[in-house]
Amino acid sequence: MTLKTVATQKTSPLRRFALHSTTTCAPQAEVYGKCILATYTDVSKDACKEEFAKFGACLREAVSIYPSVLQY
């Protein structure tokens, strides 16, 4: 199932957003997840700040490029 197929079907906006953001930002999410996994036993503020910032920027960019993904 492609993103275009999902976007044209009657699915919830949240489901379409989840599909789009996970396919677009998978590499950034993986790096952030690996950072969290590596540091979860020694939690400190901003331990994965850079990775989180890159992941967040990707999500914001994905939403701004494809705003119709979130529309009904």
PDB file of N, CA and C in Angstrom:
ATOM      1  N   MET A   1       0.848  -1.170   0.000  1.00  0.00           N
ATOM      2  CA  MET A   1       0.000   0.000   0.000  1.00  0.00           C
ATOM      3  C   MET A   1       0.898   1.239   0.000  1.00  0.00           C
ATOM      4  N   THR A   2       0.678   2.130  -0.932  1.00  0.00           N
ATOM      5  CA  THR A   2       1.498   3.324  -1.026  1.00  0.00           C
ATOM      6  C   THR A   2       0.868   4.473  -0.251  1.00  0.00           C
ATOM      7  N   LEU A   3       1.674   5.506  -0.036  1.00  0.00           N
ATOM      8  CA  LEU A   3       1.182   6.689   0.670  1.00  0.00           C
ATOM      9  C   LEU A   3       0.021   7.322  -0.087  1.00  0.00           C
ATOM     10  N   LYS A   4       0.131   7.377  -1.408  1.00  0.00           N
ATOM     11  CA  LYS A   4      -0.933   7.981  -2.205  1.00  0.00           C
ATOM     12  C   LYS A   4      -2.237   7.197  -2.051  1.00  0.00           C
ATOM     13  N   THR A   5      -2.137   5.886  -2.037  1.00  0.00           N
ATOM     14  CA  THR A   5      -3.327   5.051  -1.856  1.00  0.00           C
ATOM     15  C   THR A   5      -3.976   5.329  -0.514  1.00  0.00           C
ATOM     16  N   VAL A   6      -3.169   5.390   0.520  1.00  0.00           N
ATOM     17  CA  VAL A   6      -3.691   5.629   1.862  1.00  0.00           C
ATOM     18  C   VAL A   6      -4.303   7.015   1.959  1.00  0.00           C
ATOM     19  N   ALA A   7      -3.664   8.002   1.355  1.00  0.00           N
ATOM     20  CA  ALA A   7      -4.160   9.371   1.437  1.00  0.00           C
ATOM     21  C   ALA A   7      -5.503   9.529   0.738  1.00  0.00           C
ATOM     22  N   THR A   8      -5.756   8.716  -0.273  1.00  0.00           N
ATOM     23  CA  THR A   8      -7.016   8.853  -0.987  1.00  0.00           C
ATOM     24  C   THR A   8      -8.130   8.022  -0.371  1.00  0.00           C
ATOM     25  N   GLN A   9      -7.784   7.038   0.435  1.00  0.00           N
ATOM     26  CA  GLN A   9      -8.803   6.233   1.094  1.00  0.00           C
ATOM     27  C   GLN A   9      -9.386   7.007   2.265  1.00  0.00           C
ATOM     28  N   LYS A  10     -10.537   6.540   2.744  1.00  0.00           N
ATOM     29  CA  LYS A  10     -11.155   7.178   3.898  1.00  0.00           C
ATOM     30  C   LYS A  10     -10.507   6.632   5.162  1.00  0.00           C
ATOM     31  N   THR A  11      -9.427   7.267   5.555  1.00  0.00           N
ATOM     32  CA  THR A  11      -8.749   6.903   6.790  1.00  0.00           C
ATOM     33  C   THR A  11      -8.662   8.143   7.656  1.00  0.00           C
ATOM     34  N   SER A  12      -8.432   7.929   8.909  1.00  0.00           N
ATOM     35  CA  SER A  12      -8.365   9.069   9.819  1.00  0.00           C
ATOM     36  C   SER A  12      -7.124   9.901   9.529  1.00  0.00           C
ATOM     37  N   PRO A  13      -7.189  11.200   9.778  1.00  0.00           N
ATOM     38  CA  PRO A  13      -6.030  12.053   9.570  1.00  0.00           C
ATOM     39  C   PRO A  13      -4.822  11.589  10.381  1.00  0.00           C
ATOM     40  N   LEU A  14      -5.068  11.122  11.589  1.00  0.00           N
ATOM     41  CA  LEU A  14      -3.962  10.667  12.424  1.00  0.00           C
ATOM     42  C   LEU A  14      -3.288   9.438  11.821  1.00  0.00           C
ATOM     43  N   ARG A  15      -4.059   8.530  11.280  1.00  0.00           N
ATOM     44  CA  ARG A  15      -3.490   7.328  10.649  1.00  0.00           C
ATOM     45  C   ARG A  15      -2.656   7.712   9.424  1.00  0.00           C
ATOM     46  N   ARG A  16      -3.163   8.641   8.608  1.00  0.00           N
ATOM     47  CA  ARG A  16      -2.402   9.086   7.438  1.00  0.00           C
ATOM     48  C   ARG A  16      -1.119   9.779   7.861  1.00  0.00           C
ATOM     49  N   PHE A  17      -1.193  10.610   8.904  1.00  0.00           N
ATOM     50  CA  PHE A  17       0.002  11.282   9.406  1.00  0.00           C
ATOM     51  C   PHE A  17       1.019  10.263   9.898  1.00  0.00           C
ATOM     52  N   ALA A  18       0.561   9.265  10.626  1.00  0.00           N
ATOM     53  CA  ALA A  18       1.467   8.243  11.157  1.00  0.00           C
ATOM     54  C   ALA A  18       2.171   7.505  10.030  1.00  0.00           C
ATOM     55  N   LEU A  19       1.440   7.118   9.008  1.00  0.00           N
ATOM     56  CA  LEU A  19       2.045   6.409   7.888  1.00  0.00           C
ATOM     57  C   LEU A  19       3.056   7.291   7.171  1.00  0.00           C
ATOM     58  N   HIS A  20       2.664   8.512   6.878  1.00  0.00           N
ATOM     59  CA  HIS A  20       3.547   9.411   6.142  1.00  0.00           C
ATOM     60  C   HIS A  20       4.811   9.724   6.932  1.00  0.00           C
ATOM     61  N   SER A  21       4.670  10.060   8.189  1.00  0.00           N
ATOM     62  CA  SER A  21       5.839  10.450   8.978  1.00  0.00           C
ATOM     63  C   SER A  21       6.777   9.277   9.223  1.00  0.00           C
ATOM     64  N   THR A  22       6.242   8.070   9.376  1.00  0.00           N
ATOM     65  CA  THR A  22       7.127   6.933   9.619  1.00  0.00           C
ATOM     66  C   THR A  22       7.881   6.520   8.371  1.00  0.00           C
ATOM     67  N   THR A  23       7.293   6.681   7.207  1.00  0.00           N
ATOM     68  CA  THR A  23       8.026   6.333   5.996  1.00  0.00           C
ATOM     69  C   THR A  23       9.019   7.419   5.619  1.00  0.00           C
ATOM     70  N   THR A  24       8.682   8.659   5.859  1.00  0.00           N
ATOM     71  CA  THR A  24       9.553   9.771   5.494  1.00  0.00           C
ATOM     72  C   THR A  24      10.707   9.941   6.473  1.00  0.00           C
ATOM     73  N   CYS A  25      10.439   9.787   7.745  1.00  0.00           N
ATOM     74  CA  CYS A  25      11.433  10.092   8.778  1.00  0.00           C
ATOM     75  C   CYS A  25      12.008   8.850   9.456  1.00  0.00           C
ATOM     76  N   ALA A  26      11.916   7.713   8.814  1.00  0.00           N
ATOM     77  CA  ALA A  26      12.408   6.472   9.417  1.00  0.00           C
ATOM     78  C   ALA A  26      13.894   6.524   9.777  1.00  0.00           C
ATOM     79  N   PRO A  27      14.761   7.060   8.923  1.00  0.00           N
ATOM     80  CA  PRO A  27      16.185   7.086   9.292  1.00  0.00           C
ATOM     81  C   PRO A  27      16.455   7.928  10.546  1.00  0.00           C
ATOM     82  N   GLN A  28      15.807   9.092  10.640  1.00  0.00           N
ATOM     83  CA  GLN A  28      15.988   9.948  11.808  1.00  0.00           C
ATOM     84  C   GLN A  28      15.405   9.296  13.054  1.00  0.00           C
ATOM     85  N   ALA A  29      14.275   8.632  12.904  1.00  0.00           N
ATOM     86  CA  ALA A  29      13.658   7.939  14.037  1.00  0.00           C
ATOM     87  C   ALA A  29      14.554   6.812  14.529  1.00  0.00           C
ATOM     88  N   GLU A  30      15.186   6.118  13.607  1.00  0.00           N
ATOM     89  CA  GLU A  30      16.078   5.019  13.984  1.00  0.00           C
ATOM     90  C   GLU A  30      17.284   5.532  14.763  1.00  0.00           C
ATOM     91  N   VAL A  31      17.875   6.623  14.306  1.00  0.00           N
ATOM     92  CA  VAL A  31      19.031   7.199  15.001  1.00  0.00           C
ATOM     93  C   VAL A  31      18.630   7.659  16.398  1.00  0.00           C
ATOM     94  N   TYR A  32      17.485   8.317  16.508  1.00  0.00           N
ATOM     95  CA  TYR A  32      16.999   8.771  17.813  1.00  0.00           C
ATOM     96  C   TYR A  32      16.708   7.586  18.729  1.00  0.00           C
ATOM     97  N   GLY A  33      16.071   6.573  18.198  1.00  0.00           N
ATOM     98  CA  GLY A  33      15.773   5.381  18.985  1.00  0.00           C
ATOM     99  C   GLY A  33      17.024   4.684  19.483  1.00  0.00           C
ATOM    100  N   LYS A  34      18.033   4.601  18.636  1.00  0.00           N
ATOM    101  CA  LYS A  34      19.299   3.980  19.044  1.00  0.00           C
ATOM    102  C   LYS A  34      19.970   4.790  20.145  1.00  0.00           C
ATOM    103  N   CYS A  35      19.873   6.105  20.058  1.00  0.00           N
ATOM    104  CA  CYS A  35      20.444   6.962  21.098  1.00  0.00           C
ATOM    105  C   CYS A  35      19.729   6.731  22.422  1.00  0.00           C
ATOM    106  N   ILE A  36      18.414   6.691  22.384  1.00  0.00           N
ATOM    107  CA  ILE A  36      17.635   6.436  23.601  1.00  0.00           C
ATOM    108  C   ILE A  36      17.996   5.077  24.187  1.00  0.00           C
ATOM    109  N   LEU A  37      18.085   4.076  23.339  1.00  0.00           N
ATOM    110  CA  LEU A  37      18.422   2.729  23.794  1.00  0.00           C
ATOM    111  C   LEU A  37      19.812   2.689  24.429  1.00  0.00           C
ATOM    112  N   ALA A  38      20.740   3.424  23.860  1.00  0.00           N
ATOM    113  CA  ALA A  38      22.109   3.421  24.368  1.00  0.00           C
ATOM    114  C   ALA A  38      22.252   4.174  25.688  1.00  0.00           C
ATOM    115  N   THR A  39      21.343   5.113  25.961  1.00  0.00           N
ATOM    116  CA  THR A  39      21.508   5.963  27.144  1.00  0.00           C
ATOM    117  C   THR A  39      20.420   5.788  28.195  1.00  0.00           C
ATOM    118  N   TYR A  40      19.508   4.834  28.021  1.00  0.00           N
ATOM    119  CA  TYR A  40      18.372   4.745  28.944  1.00  0.00           C
ATOM    120  C   TYR A  40      18.776   4.372  30.363  1.00  0.00           C
ATOM    121  N   THR A  41      19.900   3.718  30.548  1.00  0.00           N
ATOM    122  CA  THR A  41      20.317   3.354  31.906  1.00  0.00           C
ATOM    123  C   THR A  41      20.993   4.513  32.621  1.00  0.00           C
ATOM    124  N   ASP A  42      21.447   5.495  31.863  1.00  0.00           N
ATOM    125  CA  ASP A  42      22.114   6.659  32.446  1.00  0.00           C
ATOM    126  C   ASP A  42      21.403   7.915  31.941  1.00  0.00           C
ATOM    127  N   VAL A  43      20.186   8.109  32.401  1.00  0.00           N
ATOM    128  CA  VAL A  43      19.353   9.206  31.918  1.00  0.00           C
ATOM    129  C   VAL A  43      19.924  10.545  32.365  1.00  0.00           C
ATOM    130  N   SER A  44      20.038  11.444  31.414  1.00  0.00           N
ATOM    131  CA  SER A  44      20.456  12.805  31.730  1.00  0.00           C
ATOM    132  C   SER A  44      19.761  13.750  30.757  1.00  0.00           C
ATOM    133  N   LYS A  45      19.580  14.966  31.199  1.00  0.00           N
ATOM    134  CA  LYS A  45      18.888  15.951  30.376  1.00  0.00           C
ATOM    135  C   LYS A  45      19.669  16.181  29.081  1.00  0.00           C
ATOM    136  N   ASP A  46      18.940  16.246  27.995  1.00  0.00           N
ATOM    137  CA  ASP A  46      19.489  16.522  26.667  1.00  0.00           C
ATOM    138  C   ASP A  46      20.479  15.464  26.183  1.00  0.00           C
ATOM    139  N   ALA A  47      20.352  14.234  26.677  1.00  0.00           N
ATOM    140  CA  ALA A  47      21.266  13.170  26.260  1.00  0.00           C
ATOM    141  C   ALA A  47      21.168  12.918  24.752  1.00  0.00           C
ATOM    142  N   CYS A  48      19.981  12.986  24.208  1.00  0.00           N
ATOM    143  CA  CYS A  48      19.775  12.744  22.772  1.00  0.00           C
ATOM    144  C   CYS A  48      19.167  13.973  22.102  1.00  0.00           C
ATOM    145  N   LYS A  49      19.553  15.124  22.574  1.00  0.00           N
ATOM    146  CA  LYS A  49      18.964  16.378  22.103  1.00  0.00           C
ATOM    147  C   LYS A  49      19.153  16.573  20.597  1.00  0.00           C
ATOM    148  N   GLU A  50      20.352  16.336  20.113  1.00  0.00           N
ATOM    149  CA  GLU A  50      20.638  16.544  18.693  1.00  0.00           C
ATOM    150  C   GLU A  50      19.822  15.586  17.814  1.00  0.00           C
ATOM    151  N   GLU A  51      19.762  14.336  18.215  1.00  0.00           N
ATOM    152  CA  GLU A  51      19.002  13.342  17.457  1.00  0.00           C
ATOM    153  C   GLU A  51      17.506  13.666  17.471  1.00  0.00           C
ATOM    154  N   PHE A  52      17.008  14.084  18.640  1.00  0.00           N
ATOM    155  CA  PHE A  52      15.600  14.443  18.753  1.00  0.00           C
ATOM    156  C   PHE A  52      15.283  15.662  17.889  1.00  0.00           C
ATOM    157  N   ALA A  53      16.183  16.638  17.869  1.00  0.00           N
ATOM    158  CA  ALA A  53      15.974  17.842  17.063  1.00  0.00           C
ATOM    159  C   ALA A  53      15.890  17.495  15.576  1.00  0.00           C
ATOM    160  N   LYS A  54      16.760  16.604  15.121  1.00  0.00           N
ATOM    161  CA  LYS A  54      16.735  16.202  13.711  1.00  0.00           C
ATOM    162  C   LYS A  54      15.456  15.436  13.379  1.00  0.00           C
ATOM    163  N   PHE A  55      15.018  14.568  14.284  1.00  0.00           N
ATOM    164  CA  PHE A  55      13.783  13.815  14.078  1.00  0.00           C
ATOM    165  C   PHE A  55      12.585  14.765  14.060  1.00  0.00           C
ATOM    166  N   GLY A  56      12.540  15.689  14.999  1.00  0.00           N
ATOM    167  CA  GLY A  56      11.449  16.663  15.048  1.00  0.00           C
ATOM    168  C   GLY A  56      11.411  17.544  13.815  1.00  0.00           C
ATOM    169  N   ALA A  57      12.586  17.969  13.350  1.00  0.00           N
ATOM    170  CA  ALA A  57      12.648  18.796  12.146  1.00  0.00           C
ATOM    171  C   ALA A  57      12.126  18.032  10.933  1.00  0.00           C
ATOM    172  N   CYS A  58      12.464  16.760  10.859  1.00  0.00           N
ATOM    173  CA  CYS A  58      11.973  15.930   9.756  1.00  0.00           C
ATOM    174  C   CYS A  58      10.453  15.829   9.792  1.00  0.00           C
ATOM    175  N   LEU A  59       9.892  15.595  10.975  1.00  0.00           N
ATOM    176  CA  LEU A  59       8.432  15.502  11.096  1.00  0.00           C
ATOM    177  C   LEU A  59       7.760  16.811  10.701  1.00  0.00           C
ATOM    178  N   ARG A  60       8.307  17.928  11.167  1.00  0.00           N
ATOM    179  CA  ARG A  60       7.723  19.228  10.813  1.00  0.00           C
ATOM    180  C   ARG A  60       7.812  19.478   9.310  1.00  0.00           C
ATOM    181  N   GLU A  61       8.941  19.125   8.713  1.00  0.00           N
ATOM    182  CA  GLU A  61       9.100  19.311   7.275  1.00  0.00           C
ATOM    183  C   GLU A  61       8.145  18.399   6.502  1.00  0.00           C
ATOM    184  N   ALA A  62       8.003  17.177   6.955  1.00  0.00           N
ATOM    185  CA  ALA A  62       7.099  16.238   6.284  1.00  0.00           C
ATOM    186  C   ALA A  62       5.668  16.752   6.306  1.00  0.00           C
ATOM    187  N   VAL A  63       5.255  17.305   7.411  1.00  0.00           N
ATOM    188  CA  VAL A  63       3.893  17.829   7.526  1.00  0.00           C
ATOM    189  C   VAL A  63       3.727  19.083   6.678  1.00  0.00           C
ATOM    190  N   SER A  64       4.740  19.937   6.623  1.00  0.00           N
ATOM    191  CA  SER A  64       4.602  21.178   5.863  1.00  0.00           C
ATOM    192  C   SER A  64       4.645  20.930   4.359  1.00  0.00           C
ATOM    193  N   ILE A  65       5.363  19.895   3.922  1.00  0.00           N
ATOM    194  CA  ILE A  65       5.426  19.589   2.496  1.00  0.00           C
ATOM    195  C   ILE A  65       4.129  18.954   2.025  1.00  0.00           C
ATOM    196  N   TYR A  66       3.535  18.120   2.870  1.00  0.00           N
ATOM    197  CA  TYR A  66       2.328  17.395   2.503  1.00  0.00           C
ATOM    198  C   TYR A  66       1.186  17.713   3.464  1.00  0.00           C
ATOM    199  N   PRO A  67       0.734  18.958   3.519  1.00  0.00           N
ATOM    200  CA  PRO A  67      -0.335  19.288   4.459  1.00  0.00           C
ATOM    201  C   PRO A  67      -1.636  18.560   4.150  1.00  0.00           C
ATOM    202  N   SER A  68      -1.836  18.147   2.914  1.00  0.00           N
ATOM    203  CA  SER A  68      -3.080  17.450   2.566  1.00  0.00           C
ATOM    204  C   SER A  68      -3.162  16.078   3.212  1.00  0.00           C
ATOM    205  N   VAL A  69      -2.055  15.543   3.664  1.00  0.00           N
ATOM    206  CA  VAL A  69      -2.055  14.241   4.331  1.00  0.00           C
ATOM    207  C   VAL A  69      -2.884  14.311   5.608  1.00  0.00           C
ATOM    208  N   LEU A  70      -2.917  15.475   6.242  1.00  0.00           N
ATOM    209  CA  LEU A  70      -3.635  15.624   7.497  1.00  0.00           C
ATOM    210  C   LEU A  70      -5.083  16.062   7.312  1.00  0.00           C
ATOM    211  N   GLN A  71      -5.474  16.392   6.107  1.00  0.00           N
ATOM    212  CA  GLN A  71      -6.838  16.854   5.881  1.00  0.00           C
ATOM    213  C   GLN A  71      -7.769  15.676   5.657  1.00  0.00           C
ATOM    214  N   TYR A  72      -9.047  15.911   5.881  1.00  0.00           N
ATOM    215  CA  TYR A  72     -10.060  14.864   5.687  1.00  0.00           C
ATOM    216  C   TYR A  72     -10.268  14.566   4.237  1.00  0.00           C
TER     217      TYR A  72
END
